[in-house]
Amino acid sequence: MTGGTVGLCPDVYTGRSEGISQAGSHVAFVQFTQPDDQPIVINTDRIVTAAPAPPDGQGTRITFTNGSHQDVKELITDVVRRLNISA
């Protein structure tokens, strides 16, 4: 499994290249804060991208392999740092 990387634009996270864990590998989870201040734990294997949340860029929008998304309060730099650490 290949970890996520930060592309040319430091404000966008490109997720792992494979969405399915292989036998014997670990699955990484990261905790963030939802806009309503509730914690949320996200499986990093399911993340496709992370970018500043529209429309004002306050927080981050995380997009998943199934096309859904989750906005979190953490800024993109903190989200990318945490995702890269967990990769």
Protein backbone atom coordinates (compact mmCIF):
# COMPACT_ATOMS: atom_id res chain seq x y z
CA MET A 1 0.00 0.00 0.00
CA THR A 2 1.27 3.44 -0.88
CA GLY A 3 0.88 6.34 1.60
CA GLY A 4 -0.70 9.67 0.78
CA THR A 5 1.39 12.50 -0.53
CA VAL A 6 1.19 16.22 -0.86
CA GLY A 7 1.19 17.26 -4.51
CA LEU A 8 2.46 20.44 -6.08
CA CYS A 9 -0.23 22.47 -4.34
CA PRO A 10 0.36 22.34 -0.56
CA ASP A 11 -3.35 23.01 0.02
CA VAL A 12 -4.52 19.68 -1.40
CA TYR A 13 -3.93 16.16 -0.08
CA THR A 14 -4.02 13.28 -2.53
CA GLY A 15 -4.99 10.08 -0.74
CA ARG A 16 -3.52 6.63 -0.82
CA SER A 17 -3.24 5.05 -4.22
CA GLU A 18 -5.07 1.88 -3.17
CA GLY A 19 -8.38 1.94 -1.35
CA ILE A 20 -8.38 -1.64 -0.07
CA SER A 21 -6.09 -2.84 2.71
CA GLN A 22 -3.95 -5.83 1.93
CA ALA A 23 -3.79 -8.81 4.28
CA GLY A 24 -1.42 -8.16 7.16
CA SER A 25 -1.42 -4.37 6.73
CA HIS A 26 -2.74 -1.91 9.26
CA VAL A 27 -5.57 0.54 8.77
CA ALA A 28 -4.86 4.07 9.98
CA PHE A 29 -7.50 6.27 11.55
CA VAL A 30 -7.22 9.97 12.32
CA GLN A 31 -9.47 12.03 14.59
CA PHE A 32 -10.70 15.47 13.53
CA THR A 33 -13.41 17.88 14.71
CA GLN A 34 -16.72 18.24 12.87
CA PRO A 35 -18.15 21.76 12.33
CA ASP A 36 -20.53 21.14 15.28
CA ASP A 37 -17.49 20.50 17.55
CA GLN A 38 -18.09 16.74 17.75
CA PRO A 39 -15.09 14.43 17.21
CA ILE A 40 -15.00 12.25 14.11
CA VAL A 41 -12.61 9.38 13.38
CA ILE A 42 -11.76 8.85 9.71
CA ASN A 43 -10.27 5.79 8.01
CA THR A 44 -7.40 7.24 5.99
CA ASP A 45 -7.62 4.41 3.43
CA ARG A 46 -10.93 5.88 2.25
CA ILE A 47 -9.67 9.43 1.64
CA VAL A 48 -9.32 10.60 -1.96
CA THR A 49 -8.56 14.29 -1.38
CA ALA A 50 -8.52 16.99 1.27
CA ALA A 51 -8.76 20.68 0.35
CA PRO A 52 -9.80 23.96 1.98
CA ALA A 53 -13.53 23.84 2.69
CA PRO A 54 -15.65 26.03 0.42
CA PRO A 55 -16.80 28.76 0.30
CA ASP A 56 -14.54 30.61 2.74
CA GLY A 57 -11.72 28.10 3.19
CA GLN A 58 -12.33 27.88 6.94
CA GLY A 59 -11.60 24.27 7.78
CA THR A 60 -11.06 21.38 5.40
CA ARG A 61 -13.27 19.27 3.12
CA ILE A 62 -12.25 15.61 3.02
CA THR A 63 -13.57 13.59 0.06
CA PHE A 64 -13.91 9.81 0.24
CA THR A 65 -13.68 6.96 -2.27
CA ASN A 66 -17.48 6.63 -2.35
CA GLY A 67 -17.87 10.28 -3.44
CA SER A 68 -19.14 11.58 -0.09
CA HIS A 69 -17.32 14.28 1.85
CA GLN A 70 -16.83 15.47 5.42
CA ASP A 71 -15.99 19.01 6.47
CA VAL A 72 -13.77 19.36 9.54
CA LYS A 73 -12.72 22.41 11.56
CA GLU A 74 -8.98 21.79 11.29
CA LEU A 75 -7.16 23.86 8.69
CA ILE A 76 -5.74 22.14 5.62
CA THR A 77 -2.12 22.37 6.83
CA ASP A 78 -2.96 20.48 10.03
CA VAL A 79 -5.07 17.90 8.17
CA VAL A 80 -2.32 17.23 5.63
CA ARG A 81 0.29 16.94 8.40
CA ARG A 82 -1.81 14.40 10.30
CA LEU A 83 -2.62 12.39 7.17
CA ASN A 84 1.02 12.26 6.13
CA ILE A 85 2.05 11.13 9.62
CA SER A 86 -0.53 8.33 9.58
CA ALA A 87 0.40 7.15 6.06
